[in-house]
Amino acid sequence: MHFTIHQLKREGNIEFAFQFLSILKLRNAPFMEHNEDLDQYSFDIDSFNEVYSRDLASMGIQYSDCLLDFHKQSERILEELFGIFNMQIPDDFKGWSMSCGDIVTLQHGEHKFMKASYFCDAAGWKQINVFSGADRHAQREEIRDRARKRLAALRSGTIH
C-alpha cells in the first residue's frame, strides 16, 4: 500500500490565509467544493504540493493486503502516519509537520477503486474527493465545444 502527503501551497495570500484550518472553516476556500446534500467535500489537488510519497512498509506500518480491509484499516494507518510526521519526521521529508489542512491519499496497488483521500481535520480525518482544477477546466471546454458543434449541426439541418 502506498501513501502520499499533500500540503497547501504557500503561494500568495489566498492560500496562506487558508493554511491549517479545519474543514468547516474552509467552506469558502477557492480550492474546495462542498455538496451539502451529500455532506461531501472535494478539493482541487492543484492547490496542494505533493510533499512525500512512499510505500507504507518502508515506514514500518503494517497493513493487510486483503482488499476488503482497505477502508477498515485506513483510520489506524492515518493515525500512525500523523504520529510519524509529528514525532519521528523522516530526514527526506520536505514539508512541515503533519497538520490540520493536510491531505493524505492511500492507494492499494494500481486499483483505482482502492484509492482514498483524507483531510486531516481538527479532530480526526474526513474522507474527501480530490480533483484537478486544470482537468476540470479542460473537461468543461470539451463539453462546451461538443455542445457548440451539435447546436451548429442542428441549426444547419444536418442533425434532426
N, C-alpha and C. Protein backbone atom coordinates (compact mmCIF):
# COMPACT_ATOMS: atom_id res chain seq x y z
N MET A 1 0.86 -1.18 0.00
CA MET A 1 0.00 0.00 0.00
C MET A 1 0.90 1.23 0.00
N HIS A 2 0.45 2.23 -0.68
CA HIS A 2 1.23 3.46 -0.89
C HIS A 2 0.49 4.65 -0.27
N PHE A 3 1.23 5.64 0.20
CA PHE A 3 0.60 6.86 0.71
C PHE A 3 1.30 8.08 0.12
N THR A 4 0.55 9.15 0.01
CA THR A 4 1.07 10.43 -0.47
C THR A 4 0.53 11.53 0.43
N ILE A 5 1.41 12.44 0.85
CA ILE A 5 1.00 13.58 1.67
C ILE A 5 1.01 14.83 0.78
N HIS A 6 -0.09 15.58 0.85
CA HIS A 6 -0.22 16.84 0.11
C HIS A 6 -0.41 17.96 1.14
N GLN A 7 0.30 19.06 0.93
CA GLN A 7 0.14 20.23 1.81
C GLN A 7 -0.15 21.45 0.95
N LEU A 8 -1.00 22.33 1.48
CA LEU A 8 -1.43 23.52 0.76
C LEU A 8 -0.23 24.34 0.31
N LYS A 9 -0.25 24.77 -0.94
CA LYS A 9 0.86 25.56 -1.47
C LYS A 9 0.96 26.88 -0.71
N ARG A 10 2.16 27.33 -0.53
CA ARG A 10 2.41 28.62 0.14
C ARG A 10 2.72 29.66 -0.93
N GLU A 11 1.75 29.92 -1.76
CA GLU A 11 1.93 30.88 -2.84
C GLU A 11 0.81 31.91 -2.77
N GLY A 12 1.15 33.10 -2.43
CA GLY A 12 0.16 34.16 -2.38
C GLY A 12 -0.59 34.20 -1.06
N ASN A 13 -1.34 35.26 -0.90
CA ASN A 13 -2.07 35.48 0.34
C ASN A 13 -3.29 34.59 0.48
N ILE A 14 -3.89 34.20 -0.66
CA ILE A 14 -5.12 33.41 -0.58
C ILE A 14 -4.85 32.07 0.08
N GLU A 15 -3.87 31.31 -0.46
CA GLU A 15 -3.59 30.01 0.10
C GLU A 15 -3.09 30.14 1.54
N PHE A 16 -2.24 31.11 1.82
CA PHE A 16 -1.69 31.29 3.15
C PHE A 16 -2.81 31.52 4.17
N ALA A 17 -3.84 32.25 3.77
CA ALA A 17 -4.95 32.54 4.67
C ALA A 17 -5.74 31.29 5.04
N PHE A 18 -5.62 30.24 4.22
CA PHE A 18 -6.39 29.01 4.46
C PHE A 18 -5.57 27.88 5.07
N GLN A 19 -4.30 28.11 5.32
CA GLN A 19 -3.47 27.04 5.88
C GLN A 19 -3.88 26.72 7.30
N PHE A 20 -3.81 25.45 7.63
CA PHE A 20 -4.01 24.92 8.98
C PHE A 20 -5.44 25.11 9.51
N LEU A 21 -6.41 25.28 8.60
CA LEU A 21 -7.80 25.46 9.03
C LEU A 21 -8.58 24.15 8.96
N SER A 22 -9.59 24.03 9.81
CA SER A 22 -10.45 22.85 9.79
C SER A 22 -11.32 22.90 8.54
N ILE A 23 -11.92 21.77 8.23
CA ILE A 23 -12.73 21.66 7.03
C ILE A 23 -13.94 22.61 7.08
N LEU A 24 -14.49 22.82 8.26
CA LEU A 24 -15.64 23.72 8.38
C LEU A 24 -15.27 25.18 8.11
N LYS A 25 -14.06 25.56 8.44
CA LYS A 25 -13.61 26.94 8.20
C LYS A 25 -13.15 27.16 6.76
N LEU A 26 -13.09 26.08 5.97
CA LEU A 26 -12.66 26.19 4.58
C LEU A 26 -13.82 26.27 3.60
N ARG A 27 -15.03 26.40 4.09
CA ARG A 27 -16.21 26.36 3.20
C ARG A 27 -16.17 27.37 2.07
N ASN A 28 -15.50 28.48 2.24
CA ASN A 28 -15.43 29.50 1.18
C ASN A 28 -14.08 29.50 0.46
N ALA A 29 -13.27 28.50 0.71
CA ALA A 29 -11.96 28.44 0.06
C ALA A 29 -12.13 28.20 -1.44
N PRO A 30 -11.34 28.87 -2.27
CA PRO A 30 -11.49 28.74 -3.72
C PRO A 30 -11.08 27.36 -4.24
N PHE A 31 -10.42 26.56 -3.44
CA PHE A 31 -9.95 25.24 -3.88
C PHE A 31 -10.80 24.10 -3.33
N MET A 32 -11.93 24.43 -2.70
CA MET A 32 -12.78 23.40 -2.11
C MET A 32 -14.22 23.56 -2.56
N GLU A 33 -14.89 22.43 -2.78
CA GLU A 33 -16.32 22.41 -3.07
C GLU A 33 -17.00 21.55 -2.01
N HIS A 34 -18.20 21.98 -1.61
CA HIS A 34 -18.94 21.22 -0.61
C HIS A 34 -20.33 20.93 -1.14
N ASN A 35 -20.67 19.65 -1.22
CA ASN A 35 -22.01 19.23 -1.59
C ASN A 35 -22.77 19.01 -0.29
N GLU A 36 -23.63 19.98 0.04
CA GLU A 36 -24.32 19.92 1.33
C GLU A 36 -25.30 18.77 1.40
N ASP A 37 -25.94 18.43 0.27
CA ASP A 37 -26.92 17.33 0.28
C ASP A 37 -26.26 16.00 0.68
N LEU A 38 -25.06 15.78 0.18
CA LEU A 38 -24.35 14.52 0.47
C LEU A 38 -23.30 14.67 1.56
N ASP A 39 -23.11 15.90 2.04
CA ASP A 39 -22.05 16.22 3.01
C ASP A 39 -20.70 15.68 2.53
N GLN A 40 -20.40 15.96 1.25
CA GLN A 40 -19.13 15.55 0.66
C GLN A 40 -18.29 16.78 0.36
N TYR A 41 -17.01 16.63 0.59
CA TYR A 41 -16.06 17.70 0.32
C TYR A 41 -15.13 17.26 -0.80
N SER A 42 -14.85 18.19 -1.72
CA SER A 42 -13.92 17.93 -2.81
C SER A 42 -12.88 19.04 -2.83
N PHE A 43 -11.63 18.66 -3.03
CA PHE A 43 -10.53 19.61 -3.04
C PHE A 43 -9.79 19.58 -4.37
N ASP A 44 -9.41 20.76 -4.84
CA ASP A 44 -8.59 20.89 -6.05
C ASP A 44 -7.16 20.58 -5.65
N ILE A 45 -6.68 19.41 -6.04
CA ILE A 45 -5.35 18.96 -5.63
C ILE A 45 -4.25 19.83 -6.23
N ASP A 46 -4.57 20.61 -7.27
CA ASP A 46 -3.58 21.51 -7.87
C ASP A 46 -3.19 22.65 -6.92
N SER A 47 -3.99 22.88 -5.88
CA SER A 47 -3.67 23.91 -4.88
C SER A 47 -2.75 23.39 -3.78
N PHE A 48 -2.38 22.12 -3.90
CA PHE A 48 -1.55 21.45 -2.89
C PHE A 48 -0.26 20.95 -3.53
N ASN A 49 0.80 20.93 -2.75
CA ASN A 49 2.06 20.32 -3.17
C ASN A 49 2.12 18.89 -2.67
N GLU A 50 2.61 17.99 -3.50
CA GLU A 50 2.90 16.63 -3.03
C GLU A 50 4.24 16.71 -2.32
N VAL A 51 4.24 16.48 -1.01
CA VAL A 51 5.47 16.66 -0.23
C VAL A 51 6.14 15.36 0.18
N TYR A 52 5.41 14.24 0.09
CA TYR A 52 6.02 12.97 0.46
C TYR A 52 5.18 11.84 -0.10
N SER A 53 5.84 10.81 -0.60
CA SER A 53 5.15 9.67 -1.17
C SER A 53 6.01 8.42 -0.98
N ARG A 54 5.45 7.42 -0.33
CA ARG A 54 6.21 6.20 -0.02
C ARG A 54 5.27 5.00 0.10
N ASP A 55 5.88 3.86 0.17
CA ASP A 55 5.17 2.63 0.50
C ASP A 55 5.06 2.57 2.02
N LEU A 56 3.91 2.15 2.53
CA LEU A 56 3.72 2.08 3.98
C LEU A 56 4.74 1.16 4.66
N ALA A 57 5.09 0.06 4.00
CA ALA A 57 6.03 -0.89 4.60
C ALA A 57 7.38 -0.22 4.86
N SER A 58 7.78 0.71 3.99
CA SER A 58 9.07 1.39 4.18
C SER A 58 9.05 2.29 5.42
N MET A 59 7.86 2.59 5.93
CA MET A 59 7.72 3.42 7.13
C MET A 59 7.49 2.55 8.37
N GLY A 60 7.50 1.24 8.17
CA GLY A 60 7.28 0.32 9.30
C GLY A 60 5.82 0.19 9.69
N ILE A 61 4.92 0.58 8.81
CA ILE A 61 3.49 0.49 9.10
C ILE A 61 2.94 -0.80 8.50
N GLN A 62 2.34 -1.62 9.35
CA GLN A 62 1.78 -2.89 8.90
C GLN A 62 0.35 -2.69 8.42
N TYR A 63 -0.01 -3.47 7.42
CA TYR A 63 -1.37 -3.41 6.89
C TYR A 63 -1.72 -4.74 6.27
N SER A 64 -2.98 -4.97 6.11
CA SER A 64 -3.46 -6.20 5.49
C SER A 64 -3.48 -6.01 3.98
N ASP A 65 -3.07 -7.03 3.26
CA ASP A 65 -3.12 -6.99 1.80
C ASP A 65 -4.51 -7.28 1.26
N CYS A 66 -5.40 -7.69 2.12
CA CYS A 66 -6.76 -8.02 1.70
C CYS A 66 -7.50 -6.75 1.29
N LEU A 67 -8.01 -6.73 0.06
CA LEU A 67 -8.71 -5.54 -0.43
C LEU A 67 -9.93 -5.19 0.42
N LEU A 68 -10.54 -6.21 1.03
CA LEU A 68 -11.73 -5.97 1.85
C LEU A 68 -11.40 -5.17 3.11
N ASP A 69 -10.15 -5.20 3.54
CA ASP A 69 -9.73 -4.49 4.76
C ASP A 69 -9.26 -3.06 4.49
N PHE A 70 -9.21 -2.65 3.22
CA PHE A 70 -8.63 -1.36 2.86
C PHE A 70 -9.23 -0.21 3.67
N HIS A 71 -10.54 -0.04 3.63
CA HIS A 71 -11.16 1.09 4.32
C HIS A 71 -11.21 0.90 5.83
N LYS A 72 -11.29 -0.35 6.28
CA LYS A 72 -11.32 -0.61 7.72
C LYS A 72 -10.03 -0.19 8.41
N GLN A 73 -8.90 -0.36 7.74
CA GLN A 73 -7.62 -0.06 8.38
C GLN A 73 -7.12 1.35 8.10
N SER A 74 -7.83 2.11 7.30
CA SER A 74 -7.38 3.46 6.94
C SER A 74 -7.21 4.38 8.14
N GLU A 75 -8.15 4.38 9.07
CA GLU A 75 -8.08 5.26 10.24
C GLU A 75 -6.82 5.00 11.06
N ARG A 76 -6.52 3.73 11.29
CA ARG A 76 -5.31 3.37 12.05
C ARG A 76 -4.05 3.81 11.31
N ILE A 77 -4.02 3.57 10.02
CA ILE A 77 -2.86 3.96 9.21
C ILE A 77 -2.66 5.47 9.24
N LEU A 78 -3.74 6.22 9.10
CA LEU A 78 -3.66 7.69 9.13
C LEU A 78 -3.13 8.18 10.47
N GLU A 79 -3.59 7.59 11.55
CA GLU A 79 -3.11 7.99 12.88
C GLU A 79 -1.63 7.66 13.05
N GLU A 80 -1.20 6.51 12.52
CA GLU A 80 0.23 6.16 12.59
C GLU A 80 1.06 7.15 11.78
N LEU A 81 0.59 7.51 10.59
CA LEU A 81 1.30 8.50 9.77
C LEU A 81 1.37 9.84 10.48
N PHE A 82 0.26 10.24 11.11
CA PHE A 82 0.24 11.51 11.85
C PHE A 82 1.32 11.50 12.94
N GLY A 83 1.42 10.40 13.66
CA GLY A 83 2.44 10.29 14.71
C GLY A 83 3.85 10.37 14.14
N ILE A 84 4.09 9.66 13.05
CA ILE A 84 5.42 9.67 12.44
C ILE A 84 5.78 11.07 11.96
N PHE A 85 4.86 11.74 11.29
CA PHE A 85 5.17 13.04 10.69
C PHE A 85 5.01 14.21 11.68
N ASN A 86 4.91 13.86 12.95
CA ASN A 86 4.97 14.86 14.01
C ASN A 86 6.06 14.54 15.04
N MET A 87 6.34 13.27 15.24
CA MET A 87 7.28 12.87 16.30
C MET A 87 8.60 12.29 15.76
N GLN A 88 8.55 11.65 14.60
CA GLN A 88 9.74 10.99 14.04
C GLN A 88 9.89 11.38 12.57
N ILE A 89 9.90 12.65 12.28
CA ILE A 89 9.87 13.14 10.90
C ILE A 89 11.08 12.62 10.12
N PRO A 90 10.84 11.94 8.99
CA PRO A 90 11.95 11.42 8.18
C PRO A 90 12.85 12.55 7.68
N ASP A 91 14.14 12.25 7.55
CA ASP A 91 15.11 13.25 7.12
C ASP A 91 14.81 13.81 5.73
N ASP A 92 14.24 13.00 4.86
CA ASP A 92 13.99 13.44 3.48
C ASP A 92 12.61 14.09 3.30
N PHE A 93 11.89 14.31 4.38
CA PHE A 93 10.58 14.97 4.32
C PHE A 93 10.78 16.46 4.14
N LYS A 94 10.12 17.05 3.15
CA LYS A 94 10.33 18.46 2.81
C LYS A 94 9.19 19.39 3.26
N GLY A 95 8.17 18.84 3.89
CA GLY A 95 7.05 19.68 4.32
C GLY A 95 7.17 20.06 5.78
N TRP A 96 6.10 20.65 6.31
CA TRP A 96 6.04 20.93 7.74
C TRP A 96 5.39 19.73 8.42
N SER A 97 5.44 19.67 9.75
CA SER A 97 4.84 18.53 10.43
C SER A 97 3.38 18.41 10.03
N MET A 98 2.89 17.16 10.00
CA MET A 98 1.52 16.94 9.54
C MET A 98 0.56 17.74 10.43
N SER A 99 -0.35 18.45 9.78
CA SER A 99 -1.22 19.38 10.49
C SER A 99 -2.62 19.37 9.90
N CYS A 100 -3.50 20.02 10.61
CA CYS A 100 -4.86 20.27 10.11
C CYS A 100 -4.73 20.94 8.74
N GLY A 101 -5.47 20.43 7.77
CA GLY A 101 -5.44 21.00 6.42
C GLY A 101 -4.63 20.19 5.43
N ASP A 102 -3.87 19.21 5.92
CA ASP A 102 -3.12 18.35 5.01
C ASP A 102 -4.03 17.26 4.44
N ILE A 103 -3.66 16.75 3.28
CA ILE A 103 -4.40 15.67 2.63
C ILE A 103 -3.48 14.48 2.50
N VAL A 104 -3.97 13.30 2.88
CA VAL A 104 -3.22 12.06 2.71
C VAL A 104 -4.04 11.16 1.80
N THR A 105 -3.38 10.63 0.77
CA THR A 105 -4.02 9.68 -0.14
C THR A 105 -3.40 8.32 0.09
N LEU A 106 -4.26 7.32 0.27
CA LEU A 106 -3.83 5.93 0.41
C LEU A 106 -4.25 5.18 -0.84
N GLN A 107 -3.36 4.35 -1.36
CA GLN A 107 -3.70 3.56 -2.55
C GLN A 107 -3.16 2.15 -2.40
N HIS A 108 -4.04 1.20 -2.66
CA HIS A 108 -3.70 -0.21 -2.60
C HIS A 108 -3.40 -0.67 -4.01
N GLY A 109 -2.13 -0.83 -4.35
CA GLY A 109 -1.74 -1.28 -5.68
C GLY A 109 -2.18 -0.29 -6.76
N GLU A 110 -2.51 -0.83 -7.90
CA GLU A 110 -2.94 0.01 -9.03
C GLU A 110 -4.46 0.10 -9.12
N HIS A 111 -5.15 -0.45 -8.16
CA HIS A 111 -6.61 -0.45 -8.18
C HIS A 111 -7.15 0.95 -7.95
N LYS A 112 -7.81 1.51 -8.98
CA LYS A 112 -8.36 2.87 -8.84
C LYS A 112 -9.41 2.94 -7.74
N PHE A 113 -10.22 1.87 -7.62
CA PHE A 113 -11.27 1.89 -6.60
C PHE A 113 -10.71 1.67 -5.21
N MET A 114 -9.43 1.35 -5.11
CA MET A 114 -8.79 1.19 -3.81
C MET A 114 -7.87 2.37 -3.53
N LYS A 115 -8.35 3.53 -3.85
CA LYS A 115 -7.61 4.77 -3.60
C LYS A 115 -8.56 5.70 -2.87
N ALA A 116 -8.11 6.27 -1.77
CA ALA A 116 -8.96 7.16 -0.99
C ALA A 116 -8.12 8.30 -0.44
N SER A 117 -8.72 9.49 -0.41
CA SER A 117 -8.03 10.67 0.13
C SER A 117 -8.73 11.13 1.39
N TYR A 118 -7.93 11.63 2.33
CA TYR A 118 -8.43 12.03 3.64
C TYR A 118 -7.88 13.40 4.01
N PHE A 119 -8.73 14.22 4.59
CA PHE A 119 -8.37 15.55 5.07
C PHE A 119 -8.07 15.46 6.55
N CYS A 120 -6.93 15.95 6.97
CA CYS A 120 -6.57 16.00 8.38
C CYS A 120 -7.34 17.16 9.00
N ASP A 121 -8.34 16.84 9.79
CA ASP A 121 -9.23 17.86 10.35
C ASP A 121 -8.84 18.16 11.79
N ALA A 122 -9.55 19.09 12.39
CA ALA A 122 -9.26 19.50 13.77
C ALA A 122 -9.38 18.32 14.74
N ALA A 123 -10.28 17.41 14.44
CA ALA A 123 -10.46 16.23 15.29
C ALA A 123 -10.61 15.01 14.39
N GLY A 124 -9.51 14.42 14.00
CA GLY A 124 -9.57 13.20 13.20
C GLY A 124 -9.45 13.46 11.70
N TRP A 125 -9.96 12.51 10.94
CA TRP A 125 -9.82 12.51 9.49
C TRP A 125 -11.18 12.48 8.82
N LYS A 126 -11.29 13.15 7.69
CA LYS A 126 -12.53 13.19 6.91
C LYS A 126 -12.21 12.71 5.50
N GLN A 127 -12.91 11.65 5.05
CA GLN A 127 -12.68 11.19 3.69
C GLN A 127 -13.22 12.24 2.72
N ILE A 128 -12.44 12.53 1.69
CA ILE A 128 -12.78 13.59 0.73
C ILE A 128 -12.58 13.08 -0.69
N ASN A 129 -13.03 13.89 -1.64
CA ASN A 129 -12.74 13.67 -3.05
C ASN A 129 -11.68 14.69 -3.45
N VAL A 130 -10.84 14.31 -4.39
CA VAL A 130 -9.87 15.26 -4.93
C VAL A 130 -10.08 15.34 -6.44
N PHE A 131 -9.79 16.51 -6.98
CA PHE A 131 -9.90 16.71 -8.42
C PHE A 131 -8.80 17.67 -8.84
N SER A 132 -8.56 17.70 -10.13
CA SER A 132 -7.58 18.63 -10.68
C SER A 132 -8.35 19.75 -11.36
N GLY A 133 -8.14 20.98 -10.89
CA GLY A 133 -8.83 22.13 -11.49
C GLY A 133 -8.51 22.26 -12.97
N ALA A 134 -7.28 21.99 -13.34
CA ALA A 134 -6.88 22.07 -14.76
C ALA A 134 -7.64 21.04 -15.58
N ASP A 135 -7.78 19.81 -15.05
CA ASP A 135 -8.53 18.77 -15.75
C ASP A 135 -9.99 19.14 -15.87
N ARG A 136 -10.56 19.68 -14.81
CA ARG A 136 -11.98 20.08 -14.85
C ARG A 136 -12.21 21.16 -15.89
N HIS A 137 -11.29 22.13 -15.96
CA HIS A 137 -11.42 23.20 -16.95
C HIS A 137 -11.39 22.61 -18.36
N ALA A 138 -10.46 21.69 -18.62
CA ALA A 138 -10.36 21.07 -19.94
C ALA A 138 -11.62 20.27 -20.26
N GLN A 139 -12.17 19.56 -19.28
CA GLN A 139 -13.39 18.79 -19.49
C GLN A 139 -14.56 19.71 -19.81
N ARG A 140 -14.67 20.82 -19.09
CA ARG A 140 -15.76 21.77 -19.35
C ARG A 140 -15.64 22.35 -20.75
N GLU A 141 -14.43 22.68 -21.17
CA GLU A 141 -14.22 23.22 -22.52
C GLU A 141 -14.58 22.19 -23.58
N GLU A 142 -14.25 20.94 -23.35
CA GLU A 142 -14.58 19.88 -24.29
C GLU A 142 -16.10 19.71 -24.40
N ILE A 143 -16.80 19.75 -23.28
CA ILE A 143 -18.26 19.64 -23.28
C ILE A 143 -18.88 20.83 -24.01
N ARG A 144 -18.37 22.04 -23.74
CA ARG A 144 -18.88 23.23 -24.43
C ARG A 144 -18.64 23.14 -25.93
N ASP A 145 -17.46 22.65 -26.32
CA ASP A 145 -17.13 22.53 -27.74
C ASP A 145 -18.08 21.54 -28.43
N ARG A 146 -18.33 20.40 -27.79
CA ARG A 146 -19.27 19.43 -28.37
C ARG A 146 -20.67 20.02 -28.47
N ALA A 147 -21.07 20.76 -27.45
CA ALA A 147 -22.40 21.39 -27.47
C ALA A 147 -22.50 22.41 -28.60
N ARG A 148 -21.45 23.21 -28.79
CA ARG A 148 -21.44 24.20 -29.89
C ARG A 148 -21.56 23.50 -31.24
N LYS A 149 -20.83 22.41 -31.43
CA LYS A 149 -20.86 21.67 -32.70
C LYS A 149 -22.24 21.06 -32.93
N ARG A 150 -22.81 20.51 -31.88
CA ARG A 150 -24.15 19.91 -32.01
C ARG A 150 -25.18 20.98 -32.33
N LEU A 151 -25.09 22.13 -31.68
CA LEU A 151 -26.00 23.23 -31.93
C LEU A 151 -25.86 23.73 -33.38
N ALA A 152 -24.63 23.86 -33.84
CA ALA A 152 -24.39 24.28 -35.22
C ALA A 152 -24.97 23.27 -36.20
N ALA A 153 -24.81 21.98 -35.91
CA ALA A 153 -25.36 20.94 -36.79
C ALA A 153 -26.87 20.98 -36.79
N LEU A 154 -27.47 21.21 -35.62
CA LEU A 154 -28.93 21.33 -35.54
C LEU A 154 -29.43 22.52 -36.35
N ARG A 155 -28.75 23.63 -36.24
CA ARG A 155 -29.14 24.85 -36.96
C ARG A 155 -28.98 24.69 -38.46
N SER A 156 -27.97 23.94 -38.87
CA SER A 156 -27.73 23.76 -40.30
C SER A 156 -28.59 22.67 -40.89
N GLY A 157 -29.28 21.92 -40.04
CA GLY A 157 -30.18 20.87 -40.51
C GLY A 157 -29.51 19.55 -40.76
N THR A 158 -28.24 19.39 -40.41
CA THR A 158 -27.56 18.11 -40.63
C THR A 158 -27.91 17.09 -39.55
N ILE A 159 -28.43 17.53 -38.43
CA ILE A 159 -28.92 16.63 -37.37
C ILE A 159 -30.36 16.99 -37.09
N HIS A 160 -31.21 15.99 -37.00
CA HIS A 160 -32.64 16.22 -36.75
C HIS A 160 -33.01 15.82 -35.37
